[in-house]
C-alpha atoms as a PDB file:
ATOM      1  CA  UNK A   1     105.225  77.364  79.033  1.00  0.00           C
ATOM      2  CA  UNK A   2     101.881  78.543  78.089  1.00  0.00           C
ATOM      3  CA  UNK A   3     101.277  75.787  75.986  1.00  0.00           C
ATOM      4  CA  UNK A   4     102.252  73.581  79.087  1.00  0.00           C
ATOM      5  CA  UNK A   5     100.208  75.188  81.900  1.00  0.00           C
ATOM      6  CA  UNK A   6      97.351  75.149  79.136  1.00  0.00           C
ATOM      7  CA  UNK A   7      97.650  71.337  78.931  1.00  0.00           C
ATOM      8  CA  UNK A   8      97.372  70.948  82.786  1.00  0.00           C
ATOM      9  CA  UNK A   9      94.072  70.927  85.035  1.00  0.00           C
ATOM     10  CA  UNK A  10      93.541  74.347  85.655  1.00  0.00           C
ATOM     11  CA  UNK A  11      93.937  73.951  89.572  1.00  0.00           C
ATOM     12  CA  UNK A  12      97.419  72.481  88.941  1.00  0.00           C
ATOM     13  CA  UNK A  13      98.428  75.292  86.365  1.00  0.00           C
ATOM     14  CA  UNK A  14      96.981  77.654  88.843  1.00  0.00           C
ATOM     15  CA  UNK A  15      99.084  76.530  91.446  1.00  0.00           C
ATOM     16  CA  UNK A  16     102.337  76.737  89.564  1.00  0.00           C
ATOM     17  CA  UNK A  17     101.517  80.451  88.435  1.00  0.00           C
ATOM     18  CA  UNK A  18     100.522  81.235  92.226  1.00  0.00           C
ATOM     19  CA  UNK A  19     103.915  79.855  93.562  1.00  0.00           C
ATOM     20  CA  UNK A  20     105.912  82.110  91.224  1.00  0.00           C
ATOM     21  CA  UNK A  21     103.332  84.957  91.522  1.00  0.00           C
ATOM     22  CA  UNK A  22     103.877  85.218  95.247  1.00  0.00           C
ATOM     23  CA  UNK A  23     107.485  85.345  95.416  1.00  0.00           C
ATOM     24  CA  UNK A  24     109.161  88.893  94.684  1.00  0.00           C
ATOM     25  CA  UNK A  25     112.441  89.130  93.297  1.00  0.00           C
ATOM     26  CA  UNK A  26     115.437  90.907  95.091  1.00  0.00           C
ATOM     27  CA  UNK A  27     117.207  93.212  92.705  1.00  0.00           C
ATOM     28  CA  UNK A  28     120.526  94.407  94.089  1.00  0.00           C
ATOM     29  CA  UNK A  29     121.042  97.427  95.588  1.00  0.00           C
ATOM     30  CA  UNK A  30     122.439  99.664  93.042  1.00  0.00           C
ATOM     31  CA  UNK A  31     126.028 100.882  93.498  1.00  0.00           C
ATOM     32  CA  UNK A  32     125.000 104.594  92.991  1.00  0.00           C
ATOM     33  CA  UNK A  33     122.670 104.342  95.874  1.00  0.00           C
ATOM     34  CA  UNK A  34     125.317 102.610  98.152  1.00  0.00           C
ATOM     35  CA  UNK A  35     126.942 105.583  99.999  1.00  0.00           C
ATOM     36  CA  UNK A  36     123.361 107.169 101.048  1.00  0.00           C
ATOM     37  CA  UNK A  37     122.072 103.985 102.131  1.00  0.00           C
ATOM     38  CA  UNK A  38     125.471 103.342 104.358  1.00  0.00           C
ATOM     39  CA  UNK A  39     124.431 106.646 106.144  1.00  0.00           C
ATOM     40  CA  UNK A  40     121.292 105.474 107.413  1.00  0.00           C
ATOM     41  CA  UNK A  41     120.589 104.757 110.643  1.00  0.00           C
ATOM     42  CA  UNK A  42     119.455 101.028 111.003  1.00  0.00           C
ATOM     43  CA  UNK A  43     116.836  99.428 113.066  1.00  0.00           C
ATOM     44  CA  UNK A  44     114.652  96.381 112.584  1.00  0.00           C
ATOM     45  CA  UNK A  45     111.014  95.580 113.257  1.00  0.00           C
ATOM     46  CA  UNK A  46     109.846  91.817 113.812  1.00  0.00           C
ATOM     47  CA  UNK A  47     107.113  90.558 111.798  1.00  0.00           C
ATOM     48  CA  UNK A  48     105.623  86.965 112.377  1.00  0.00           C
ATOM     49  CA  UNK A  49     109.237  86.172 113.163  1.00  0.00           C
ATOM     50  CA  UNK A  50     110.964  87.605 110.177  1.00  0.00           C
ATOM     51  CA  UNK A  51     112.895  90.820 110.692  1.00  0.00           C
ATOM     52  CA  UNK A  52     111.998  93.997 108.824  1.00  0.00           C
ATOM     53  CA  UNK A  53     114.965  96.363 108.075  1.00  0.00           C
ATOM     54  CA  UNK A  54     114.105  99.747 108.707  1.00  0.00           C
ATOM     55  CA  UNK A  55     116.497 102.983 107.258  1.00  0.00           C
ATOM     56  CA  UNK A  56     116.339 106.392 109.086  1.00  0.00           C
ATOM     57  CA  UNK A  57     117.674 109.580 107.816  1.00  0.00           C
ATOM     58  CA  UNK A  58     117.831 113.262 109.303  1.00  0.00           C
ATOM     59  CA  UNK A  59     116.515 115.062 112.305  1.00  0.00           C
ATOM     60  CA  UNK A  60     113.339 116.958 111.594  1.00  0.00           C
ATOM     61  CA  UNK A  61     110.298 117.325 113.529  1.00  0.00           C
ATOM     62  CA  UNK A  62     108.107 116.101 110.514  1.00  0.00           C
ATOM     63  CA  UNK A  63     108.238 112.447 109.750  1.00  0.00           C
ATOM     64  CA  UNK A  64     108.413 110.845 105.962  1.00  0.00           C
ATOM     65  CA  UNK A  65     107.684 107.663 105.427  1.00  0.00           C
ATOM     66  CA  UNK A  66     108.328 105.418 102.071  1.00  0.00           C
ATOM     67  CA  UNK A  67     106.381 102.408 101.031  1.00  0.00           C
ATOM     68  CA  UNK A  68     108.206 100.650  98.180  1.00  0.00           C
ATOM     69  CA  UNK A  69     106.324  98.213  95.492  1.00  0.00           C
ATOM     70  CA  UNK A  70     106.664  94.719  94.500  1.00  0.00           C
ATOM     71  CA  UNK A  71     110.166  93.198  94.049  1.00  0.00           C
ATOM     72  CA  UNK A  72     111.825  96.368  94.727  1.00  0.00           C
ATOM     73  CA  UNK A  73     113.413  98.055  98.211  1.00  0.00           C
ATOM     74  CA  UNK A  74     113.607 100.838 100.288  1.00  0.00           C
ATOM     75  CA  UNK A  75     116.479 102.416  98.226  1.00  0.00           C
ATOM     76  CA  UNK A  76     114.239 103.019  95.472  1.00  0.00           C
ATOM     77  CA  UNK A  77     113.271 106.495  97.317  1.00  0.00           C
ATOM     78  CA  UNK A  78     117.303 107.521  97.259  1.00  0.00           C
ATOM     79  CA  UNK A  79     116.881 110.510  95.200  1.00  0.00           C
ATOM     80  CA  UNK A  80     113.859 111.702  97.319  1.00  0.00           C
ATOM     81  CA  UNK A  81     115.581 111.432 100.930  1.00  0.00           C
ATOM     82  CA  UNK A  82     118.125 113.762 100.696  1.00  0.00           C
ATOM     83  CA  UNK A  83     115.893 116.660  99.282  1.00  0.00           C
ATOM     84  CA  UNK A  84     113.321 115.692 102.216  1.00  0.00           C
ATOM     85  CA  UNK A  85     116.065 115.932 104.498  1.00  0.00           C
ATOM     86  CA  UNK A  86     116.766 119.256 103.533  1.00  0.00           C
ATOM     87  CA  UNK A  87     113.148 120.444 103.622  1.00  0.00           C
ATOM     88  CA  UNK A  88     112.956 119.302 107.344  1.00  0.00           C
ATOM     89  CA  UNK A  89     111.877 115.876 107.463  1.00  0.00           C
ATOM     90  CA  UNK A  90     113.026 112.626 109.311  1.00  0.00           C
ATOM     91  CA  UNK A  91     112.677 110.345 106.453  1.00  0.00           C
ATOM     92  CA  UNK A  92     112.151 106.600 107.206  1.00  0.00           C
ATOM     93  CA  UNK A  93     111.824 103.651 104.499  1.00  0.00           C
ATOM     94  CA  UNK A  94     111.719  99.784 105.117  1.00  0.00           C
ATOM     95  CA  UNK A  95     112.420  96.579 103.089  1.00  0.00           C
ATOM     96  CA  UNK A  96     109.479  94.825 102.855  1.00  0.00           C
ATOM     97  CA  UNK A  97     109.338  91.199 103.767  1.00  0.00           C
ATOM     98  CA  UNK A  98     110.689  88.943 101.210  1.00  0.00           C
ATOM     99  CA  UNK A  99     112.361  92.088  99.682  1.00  0.00           C
ATOM    100  CA  UNK A 100     115.855  94.012  99.973  1.00  0.00           C
ATOM    101  CA  UNK A 101     117.658  92.955 103.415  1.00  0.00           C
ATOM    102  CA  UNK A 102     114.540  92.066 105.083  1.00  0.00           C
ATOM    103  CA  UNK A 103     113.810  88.718 105.801  1.00  0.00           C
ATOM    104  CA  UNK A 104     110.619  86.166 104.836  1.00  0.00           C
ATOM    105  CA  UNK A 105     109.642  84.936 101.309  1.00  0.00           C
ATOM    106  CA  UNK A 106     106.946  86.696 100.215  1.00  0.00           C
ATOM    107  CA  UNK A 107     104.533  89.772 101.834  1.00  0.00           C
ATOM    108  CA  UNK A 108     100.827  90.967 101.799  1.00  0.00           C
ATOM    109  CA  UNK A 109      98.912  94.133 101.838  1.00  0.00           C
ATOM    110  CA  UNK A 110      98.233  93.407 105.706  1.00  0.00           C
ATOM    111  CA  UNK A 111     101.930  92.436 106.458  1.00  0.00           C
ATOM    112  CA  UNK A 112     102.841  96.106 105.463  1.00  0.00           C
ATOM    113  CA  UNK A 113      99.939  97.442 107.222  1.00  0.00           C
ATOM    114  CA  UNK A 114     101.514  95.523 110.570  1.00  0.00           C
ATOM    115  CA  UNK A 115     104.731  97.014 109.374  1.00  0.00           C
ATOM    116  CA  UNK A 116     103.501 100.866 108.925  1.00  0.00           C
ATOM    117  CA  UNK A 117     101.335 100.495 112.489  1.00  0.00           C
ATOM    118  CA  UNK A 118     104.544  99.218 114.203  1.00  0.00           C
ATOM    119  CA  UNK A 119     106.408 102.324 112.662  1.00  0.00           C
ATOM    120  CA  UNK A 120     103.534 104.629 113.855  1.00  0.00           C
ATOM    121  CA  UNK A 121     103.703 103.327 117.315  1.00  0.00           C
ATOM    122  CA  UNK A 122     107.783 103.440 117.373  1.00  0.00           C
ATOM    123  CA  UNK A 123     108.316 106.977 115.669  1.00  0.00           C
ATOM    124  CA  UNK A 124     104.914 108.489 116.091  1.00  0.00           C
ATOM    125  CA  UNK A 125     102.594 109.750 113.342  1.00  0.00           C
ATOM    126  CA  UNK A 126     103.776 110.662 110.218  1.00  0.00           C
ATOM    127  CA  UNK A 127     103.073 113.898 108.270  1.00  0.00           C
ATOM    128  CA  UNK A 128     104.086 112.559 104.562  1.00  0.00           C
ATOM    129  CA  UNK A 129     103.593 109.077 103.087  1.00  0.00           C
ATOM    130  CA  UNK A 130     105.607 108.536  99.790  1.00  0.00           C
ATOM    131  CA  UNK A 131     104.481 105.283  97.803  1.00  0.00           C
ATOM    132  CA  UNK A 132     105.594 103.772  94.507  1.00  0.00           C
ATOM    133  CA  UNK A 133     103.613 101.035  92.496  1.00  0.00           C
ATOM    134  CA  UNK A 134     101.814  98.470  94.398  1.00  0.00           C
ATOM    135  CA  UNK A 135     103.277 100.522  97.536  1.00  0.00           C
ATOM    136  CA  UNK A 136     100.278 103.154  97.087  1.00  0.00           C
ATOM    137  CA  UNK A 137      97.640 100.305  97.149  1.00  0.00           C
ATOM    138  CA  UNK A 138      99.296  99.412 100.449  1.00  0.00           C
ATOM    139  CA  UNK A 139      99.360 102.649 101.462  1.00  0.00           C
ATOM    140  CA  UNK A 140      95.699 103.498 100.767  1.00  0.00           C
ATOM    141  CA  UNK A 141      94.592 100.193 103.069  1.00  0.00           C
ATOM    142  CA  UNK A 142      96.766 101.510 105.998  1.00  0.00           C
ATOM    143  CA  UNK A 143      95.755 105.012 105.793  1.00  0.00           C
ATOM    144  CA  UNK A 144      92.293 103.706 106.127  1.00  0.00           C
ATOM    145  CA  UNK A 145      93.069 101.284 108.502  1.00  0.00           C
ATOM    146  CA  UNK A 146      94.479 103.308 111.480  1.00  0.00           C
ATOM    147  CA  UNK A 147      97.611 104.628 110.079  1.00  0.00           C
ATOM    148  CA  UNK A 148      97.892 108.535 110.137  1.00  0.00           C
ATOM    149  CA  UNK A 149      99.301 110.588 107.418  1.00  0.00           C
ATOM    150  CA  UNK A 150      98.471 114.430 106.340  1.00  0.00           C
ATOM    151  CA  UNK A 151      99.957 113.807 102.624  1.00  0.00           C
ATOM    152  CA  UNK A 152      99.972 110.843 100.149  1.00  0.00           C
ATOM    153  CA  UNK A 153     102.453 111.318  97.365  1.00  0.00           C
ATOM    154  CA  UNK A 154     101.571 108.458  95.277  1.00  0.00           C
ATOM    155  CA  UNK A 155     103.624 107.767  92.373  1.00  0.00           C
ATOM    156  CA  UNK A 156     102.750 105.072  89.611  1.00  0.00           C
ATOM    157  CA  UNK A 157     100.004 103.915  91.830  1.00  0.00           C
ATOM    158  CA  UNK A 158      97.936 100.444  91.865  1.00  0.00           C
ATOM    159  CA  UNK A 159      94.022 101.307  92.579  1.00  0.00           C
ATOM    160  CA  UNK A 160      92.678  97.599  91.888  1.00  0.00           C
ATOM    161  CA  UNK A 161      93.777  94.759  93.832  1.00  0.00           C
ATOM    162  CA  UNK A 162      92.757  92.756  90.795  1.00  0.00           C
ATOM    163  CA  UNK A 163      94.930  94.564  88.438  1.00  0.00           C
ATOM    164  CA  UNK A 164      97.737  92.406  89.908  1.00  0.00           C
ATOM    165  CA  UNK A 165      96.160  89.430  88.724  1.00  0.00           C
ATOM    166  CA  UNK A 166      95.232  90.743  85.227  1.00  0.00           C
ATOM    167  CA  UNK A 167      98.718  92.469  84.466  1.00  0.00           C
ATOM    168  CA  UNK A 168     100.859  89.217  85.622  1.00  0.00           C
ATOM    169  CA  UNK A 169      98.522  86.659  83.524  1.00  0.00           C
ATOM    170  CA  UNK A 170      98.109  89.092  80.564  1.00  0.00           C
ATOM    171  CA  UNK A 171     101.183  87.759  78.501  1.00  0.00           C
ATOM    172  CA  UNK A 172     100.521  84.315  79.617  1.00  0.00           C
ATOM    173  CA  UNK A 173      97.112  83.380  77.382  1.00  0.00           C
ATOM    174  CA  UNK A 174      95.787  81.200  80.077  1.00  0.00           C
ATOM    175  CA  UNK A 175      92.394  79.744  79.817  1.00  0.00           C
ATOM    176  CA  UNK A 176      89.826  81.607  81.706  1.00  0.00           C
ATOM    177  CA  UNK A 177      89.316  78.621  84.156  1.00  0.00           C
ATOM    178  CA  UNK A 178      92.999  78.597  85.265  1.00  0.00           C
ATOM    179  CA  UNK A 179      92.858  82.174  85.986  1.00  0.00           C
ATOM    180  CA  UNK A 180      89.552  81.696  88.184  1.00  0.00           C
ATOM    181  CA  UNK A 181      91.282  79.030  89.934  1.00  0.00           C
ATOM    182  CA  UNK A 182      94.344  81.412  90.343  1.00  0.00           C
ATOM    183  CA  UNK A 183      91.602  83.959  92.269  1.00  0.00           C
ATOM    184  CA  UNK A 184      90.193  81.147  94.185  1.00  0.00           C
ATOM    185  CA  UNK A 185      93.919  80.501  95.411  1.00  0.00           C
ATOM    186  CA  UNK A 186      94.724  84.298  96.392  1.00  0.00           C
ATOM    187  CA  UNK A 187      91.215  84.334  98.181  1.00  0.00           C
ATOM    188  CA  UNK A 188      92.201  81.445 100.147  1.00  0.00           C
ATOM    189  CA  UNK A 189      95.297  82.813 101.296  1.00  0.00           C
ATOM    190  CA  UNK A 190      93.314  85.841 102.841  1.00  0.00           C
ATOM    191  CA  UNK A 191      90.594  83.567 103.918  1.00  0.00           C
ATOM    192  CA  UNK A 192      87.763  85.686 101.934  1.00  0.00           C
ATOM    193  CA  UNK A 193      86.425  86.091  98.560  1.00  0.00           C
ATOM    194  CA  UNK A 194      86.024  90.101  99.240  1.00  0.00           C
ATOM    195  CA  UNK A 195      89.612  90.752  98.801  1.00  0.00           C
ATOM    196  CA  UNK A 196      89.071  92.303  95.230  1.00  0.00           C
ATOM    197  CA  UNK A 197      86.961  95.326  96.851  1.00  0.00           C
ATOM    198  CA  UNK A 198      87.969  95.199 100.273  1.00  0.00           C
ATOM    199  CA  UNK A 199      91.859  95.808  99.116  1.00  0.00           C
ATOM    200  CA  UNK A 200      91.140  97.818  96.288  1.00  0.00           C
ATOM    201  CA  UNK A 201      92.341 101.588  97.117  1.00  0.00           C
ATOM    202  CA  UNK A 202      89.416 103.322  95.997  1.00  0.00           C
ATOM    203  CA  UNK A 203      87.621 101.583  98.579  1.00  0.00           C
ATOM    204  CA  UNK A 204      89.837 102.388 101.359  1.00  0.00           C
ATOM    205  CA  UNK A 205      88.647 105.825 101.370  1.00  0.00           C
ATOM    206  CA  UNK A 206      86.398 106.104 104.252  1.00  0.00           C
ATOM    207  CA  UNK A 207      88.696 107.481 107.273  1.00  0.00           C
ATOM    208  CA  UNK A 208      90.981 108.605 104.631  1.00  0.00           C
ATOM    209  CA  UNK A 209      92.161 112.220 105.914  1.00  0.00           C
ATOM    210  CA  UNK A 210      95.139 112.628 104.138  1.00  0.00           C
ATOM    211  CA  UNK A 211      95.740 114.856 100.774  1.00  0.00           C
ATOM    212  CA  UNK A 212      96.937 112.897  97.810  1.00  0.00           C
ATOM    213  CA  UNK A 213      99.015 113.854  95.039  1.00  0.00           C
ATOM    214  CA  UNK A 214      99.027 111.474  92.327  1.00  0.00           C
ATOM    215  CA  UNK A 215     102.022 111.100  89.972  1.00  0.00           C
ATOM    216  CA  UNK A 216     102.071 109.099  87.128  1.00  0.00           C
ATOM    217  CA  UNK A 217     104.255 108.574  83.894  1.00  0.00           C
ATOM    218  CA  UNK A 218     101.542 108.141  80.445  1.00  0.00           C
ATOM    219  CA  UNK A 219     104.109 105.714  79.039  1.00  0.00           C
ATOM    220  CA  UNK A 220     104.311 103.211  82.130  1.00  0.00           C
ATOM    221  CA  UNK A 221     104.779  99.597  81.224  1.00  0.00           C
ATOM    222  CA  UNK A 222     103.454  98.073  84.369  1.00  0.00           C
ATOM    223  CA  UNK A 223     100.909 100.193  85.696  1.00  0.00           C
ATOM    224  CA  UNK A 224      98.555 101.763  83.338  1.00  0.00           C
ATOM    225  CA  UNK A 225      98.078 105.582  83.945  1.00  0.00           C
ATOM    226  CA  UNK A 226      94.246 104.772  84.380  1.00  0.00           C
ATOM    227  CA  UNK A 227      94.992 103.547  87.838  1.00  0.00           C
ATOM    228  CA  UNK A 228      95.873 106.655  89.066  1.00  0.00           C
ATOM    229  CA  UNK A 229      93.026 108.798  86.785  1.00  0.00           C
ATOM    230  CA  UNK A 230      90.736 106.153  88.736  1.00  0.00           C
ATOM    231  CA  UNK A 231      92.088 106.961  91.865  1.00  0.00           C
ATOM    232  CA  UNK A 232      91.449 111.092  90.929  1.00  0.00           C
ATOM    233  CA  UNK A 233      87.977 110.450  90.042  1.00  0.00           C
ATOM    234  CA  UNK A 234      86.679 109.096  93.164  1.00  0.00           C
ATOM    235  CA  UNK A 235      89.145 111.114  95.288  1.00  0.00           C
ATOM    236  CA  UNK A 236      87.627 114.395  93.750  1.00  0.00           C
ATOM    237  CA  UNK A 237      89.145 117.769  95.209  1.00  0.00           C
ATOM    238  CA  UNK A 238      91.021 115.661  97.866  1.00  0.00           C
ATOM    239  CA  UNK A 239      93.623 115.077  94.999  1.00  0.00           C
ATOM    240  CA  UNK A 240      95.630 116.433  91.777  1.00  0.00           C
ATOM    241  CA  UNK A 241      97.350 114.420  89.367  1.00  0.00           C
ATOM    242  CA  UNK A 242     100.604 115.073  87.398  1.00  0.00           C
ATOM    243  CA  UNK A 243     101.348 113.046  84.201  1.00  0.00           C
ATOM    244  CA  UNK A 244     104.639 112.659  83.061  1.00  0.00           C
ATOM    245  CA  UNK A 245     106.391 111.470  79.930  1.00  0.00           C
ATOM    246  CA  UNK A 246     108.857 109.007  78.589  1.00  0.00           C
ATOM    247  CA  UNK A 247     110.048 107.961  82.037  1.00  0.00           C
ATOM    248  CA  UNK A 248     108.213 104.805  82.347  1.00  0.00           C
ATOM    249  CA  UNK A 249     107.528 102.778  85.924  1.00  0.00           C
ATOM    250  CA  UNK A 250     110.927 102.912  87.459  1.00  0.00           C
ATOM    251  CA  UNK A 251     112.550 106.216  86.290  1.00  0.00           C
ATOM    252  CA  UNK A 252     109.959 108.203  87.403  1.00  0.00           C
ATOM    253  CA  UNK A 253     111.174 107.666  91.162  1.00  0.00           C
ATOM    254  CA  UNK A 254     114.459 109.348  90.091  1.00  0.00           C
ATOM    255  CA  UNK A 255     113.490 112.247  87.451  1.00  0.00           C
ATOM    256  CA  UNK A 256     114.431 115.364  88.894  1.00  0.00           C
ATOM    257  CA  UNK A 257     111.472 117.313  87.705  1.00  0.00           C
ATOM    258  CA  UNK A 258     108.820 114.574  89.030  1.00  0.00           C
ATOM    259  CA  UNK A 259     110.834 115.146  92.189  1.00  0.00           C
ATOM    260  CA  UNK A 260     110.565 119.016  92.238  1.00  0.00           C
ATOM    261  CA  UNK A 261     106.985 118.408  91.457  1.00  0.00           C
ATOM    262  CA  UNK A 262     106.644 116.297  94.426  1.00  0.00           C
ATOM    263  CA  UNK A 263     108.736 118.781  96.760  1.00  0.00           C
ATOM    264  CA  UNK A 264     106.359 121.634  95.582  1.00  0.00           C
ATOM    265  CA  UNK A 265     103.218 119.805  96.667  1.00  0.00           C
ATOM    266  CA  UNK A 266     104.767 119.017  99.746  1.00  0.00           C
ATOM    267  CA  UNK A 267     105.761 122.550 100.607  1.00  0.00           C
ATOM    268  CA  UNK A 268     102.472 123.782  99.893  1.00  0.00           C
ATOM    269  CA  UNK A 269     100.733 121.014 102.315  1.00  0.00           C
ATOM    270  CA  UNK A 270     103.378 122.409 105.160  1.00  0.00           C
ATOM    271  CA  UNK A 271     101.939 125.984 104.692  1.00  0.00           C
ATOM    272  CA  UNK A 272      98.398 124.423 105.263  1.00  0.00           C
END
């Protein structure tokens, strides 16, 4: 496949890669998560003519919003939901466009900002946002552009917008000119060349008022620990970083020690 791509003109190869890059997969709902998802109160949002499925649990006075990553779904946070409800939270999660049970074929950072803004208008401001992977980058942008939260728990987070391209193309051994063409197509999608800084989490701190709990596994096979370490450096005393080992990118969402650490940080924030 790589040989075929490198035999093409860079613009043609980049177009093929871009078409695959921008379309997430839709993993099936795990049988173990079905009972909890079935108990959710469901509603929907309309985003550019596509429905976004929203799930809600609990009746607490505090609102927690969950933001999943790429090729993922709201049910990824199932292990967090009941502990949060028991801690007095009303928990809201959603399937992003092109994911889970929502409509559409793809989603952008700006789509997630639209969704989070609409949820804030409908449900009120959140006290807590829990985000995973690319959802962390989405959350930083939203919290710097009018969405409120007092506390962000960032699991396995992406900091640099350019990291998406770097990781996606790393195993393809593409020619540099093909990668550059791919970047130009992504810039054209958003209509500006400034996306690499403008959308990166470390450039969305000016209006950030949330305390940030960073959690990352040292053995993450998709998002390197250095991404959370970079966030810790720029956030300074607004953040702390907990490093787990042996969990990788996805098992961190279901690990009881990780959940206990997050809940302890959440309770500490409640007392402030």
